[in-house]
């Protein structure tokens, strides 16, 4: 299992943590919520489309697909807690569907994690 310190170092190096999905009216994934690090803003949550996540995987630091629940980080895909740098486009929707839905609980869990890893603004 990835430690908070390892996750922090990876996020500071350009990786992103994809932790929740937002669905459209047809129950397809419209976008995902991501924790990322910015030198000016610190750790923060942003909403990103599949294309933006793919760019991060291929050109930046990669992504983690992890669910945050009860102050625990748990893997939700077959990638476990490994850094993902490549994802077949035909499986994107399937993998994004495994993430929990973004709601108030997901937001609170993400904020708790950001505090643990040194959130500042």
Protein backbone atom coordinates (compact mmCIF):
# COMPACT_ATOMS: atom_id res chain seq x y z
CA UNK A 1 0.00 0.00 0.00
CA UNK A 2 1.27 3.46 -0.88
CA UNK A 3 2.16 5.64 2.10
CA UNK A 4 1.07 9.25 2.57
CA UNK A 5 4.70 10.39 2.22
CA UNK A 6 5.18 8.48 -1.06
CA UNK A 7 1.93 9.91 -2.40
CA UNK A 8 2.95 13.43 -1.39
CA UNK A 9 6.32 13.13 -3.13
CA UNK A 10 4.71 11.73 -6.26
CA UNK A 11 2.08 14.49 -6.40
CA UNK A 12 4.77 17.13 -5.94
CA UNK A 13 6.61 15.58 -8.91
CA UNK A 14 3.64 16.02 -11.26
CA UNK A 15 1.46 12.96 -10.68
CA UNK A 16 -2.27 13.36 -9.98
CA UNK A 17 -4.66 11.40 -7.81
CA UNK A 18 -7.96 10.59 -9.56
CA UNK A 19 -10.43 9.83 -6.77
CA UNK A 20 -14.03 10.36 -7.97
CA UNK A 21 -16.21 10.63 -11.05
CA UNK A 22 -19.02 12.91 -12.19
CA UNK A 23 -21.69 11.36 -14.39
CA UNK A 24 -23.82 12.89 -17.14
CA UNK A 25 -27.55 12.28 -17.69
CA UNK A 26 -26.85 8.97 -19.47
CA UNK A 27 -24.79 7.65 -16.49
CA UNK A 28 -21.56 7.95 -18.46
CA UNK A 29 -18.49 9.54 -16.91
CA UNK A 30 -18.49 13.23 -17.78
CA UNK A 31 -15.32 14.07 -15.83
CA UNK A 32 -13.23 13.04 -12.85
CA UNK A 33 -12.03 14.83 -9.75
CA UNK A 34 -8.32 15.02 -9.24
CA UNK A 35 -5.98 16.10 -6.45
CA UNK A 36 -2.98 17.86 -7.88
CA UNK A 37 -0.11 19.99 -6.64
CA UNK A 38 0.65 23.51 -7.82
CA UNK A 39 3.64 25.46 -6.50
CA UNK A 40 1.50 28.56 -5.95
CA UNK A 41 -1.75 26.98 -4.72
CA UNK A 42 -0.45 23.87 -2.99
CA UNK A 43 -2.61 20.74 -3.10
CA UNK A 44 -6.06 21.34 -4.54
CA UNK A 45 -8.99 19.57 -6.19
CA UNK A 46 -9.84 20.12 -9.86
CA UNK A 47 -12.34 18.60 -12.25
CA UNK A 48 -10.78 17.15 -15.41
CA UNK A 49 -12.07 15.54 -18.58
CA UNK A 50 -10.71 12.19 -19.81
CA UNK A 51 -8.46 13.95 -22.35
CA UNK A 52 -6.76 16.01 -19.63
CA UNK A 53 -6.19 12.90 -17.51
CA UNK A 54 -4.73 11.09 -20.53
CA UNK A 55 -2.29 13.97 -21.11
CA UNK A 56 -1.18 13.75 -17.48
CA UNK A 57 -0.64 10.00 -17.83
CA UNK A 58 1.39 10.26 -21.00
CA UNK A 59 3.30 13.54 -20.69
CA UNK A 60 3.42 14.48 -17.02
CA UNK A 61 3.83 12.46 -13.84
CA UNK A 62 1.13 9.80 -14.31
CA UNK A 63 -2.03 9.20 -12.28
CA UNK A 64 -3.23 7.11 -9.37
CA UNK A 65 -6.77 5.69 -9.40
CA UNK A 66 -7.61 5.53 -5.69
CA UNK A 67 -10.75 5.89 -3.61
CA UNK A 68 -10.66 7.81 -0.34
CA UNK A 69 -12.85 6.43 2.41
CA UNK A 70 -12.75 6.64 6.20
CA UNK A 71 -9.25 8.17 6.16
CA UNK A 72 -7.99 5.26 4.09
CA UNK A 73 -6.65 5.16 0.57
CA UNK A 74 -7.80 2.10 -1.33
CA UNK A 75 -7.23 1.00 -4.91
CA UNK A 76 -10.30 0.61 -7.11
CA UNK A 77 -8.82 -0.75 -10.34
CA UNK A 78 -6.58 -3.61 -11.38
CA UNK A 79 -3.66 -1.15 -11.27
CA UNK A 80 -3.82 -1.21 -7.46
CA UNK A 81 -1.91 1.69 -5.94
CA UNK A 82 0.60 1.82 -8.81
CA UNK A 83 1.27 4.93 -10.85
CA UNK A 84 -0.51 4.61 -14.22
CA UNK A 85 1.22 6.06 -17.27
CA UNK A 86 -0.76 4.34 -20.01
CA UNK A 87 -4.42 3.43 -20.32
CA UNK A 88 -6.14 1.98 -23.41
CA UNK A 89 -8.70 4.48 -24.68
CA UNK A 90 -11.28 1.72 -25.14
CA UNK A 91 -11.12 0.95 -21.39
CA UNK A 92 -11.19 4.53 -20.07
CA UNK A 93 -14.92 4.60 -19.41
CA UNK A 94 -14.83 1.20 -17.71
CA UNK A 95 -11.98 2.22 -15.39
CA UNK A 96 -13.47 5.63 -14.59
CA UNK A 97 -16.78 3.93 -13.71
CA UNK A 98 -14.97 2.03 -10.91
CA UNK A 99 -14.31 5.30 -9.08
CA UNK A 100 -16.83 6.45 -6.49
CA UNK A 101 -19.28 9.19 -7.41
CA UNK A 102 -18.25 12.72 -6.41
CA UNK A 103 -20.44 13.97 -3.59
CA UNK A 104 -20.05 15.79 -0.28
CA UNK A 105 -18.49 12.72 1.38
CA UNK A 106 -15.87 12.38 -1.37
CA UNK A 107 -15.08 16.08 -1.04
CA UNK A 108 -14.58 15.81 2.74
CA UNK A 109 -12.39 12.70 2.37
CA UNK A 110 -10.23 14.49 -0.22
CA UNK A 111 -9.83 17.52 2.04
CA UNK A 112 -8.75 15.26 4.91
CA UNK A 113 -6.12 13.65 2.70
CA UNK A 114 -4.86 17.06 1.56
CA UNK A 115 -4.40 18.11 5.18
CA UNK A 116 -2.39 14.95 5.85
CA UNK A 117 -0.08 15.59 2.91
CA UNK A 118 0.49 19.26 3.70
CA UNK A 119 -2.34 21.25 2.13
CA UNK A 120 -1.70 24.97 2.00
CA UNK A 121 -3.19 27.90 0.14
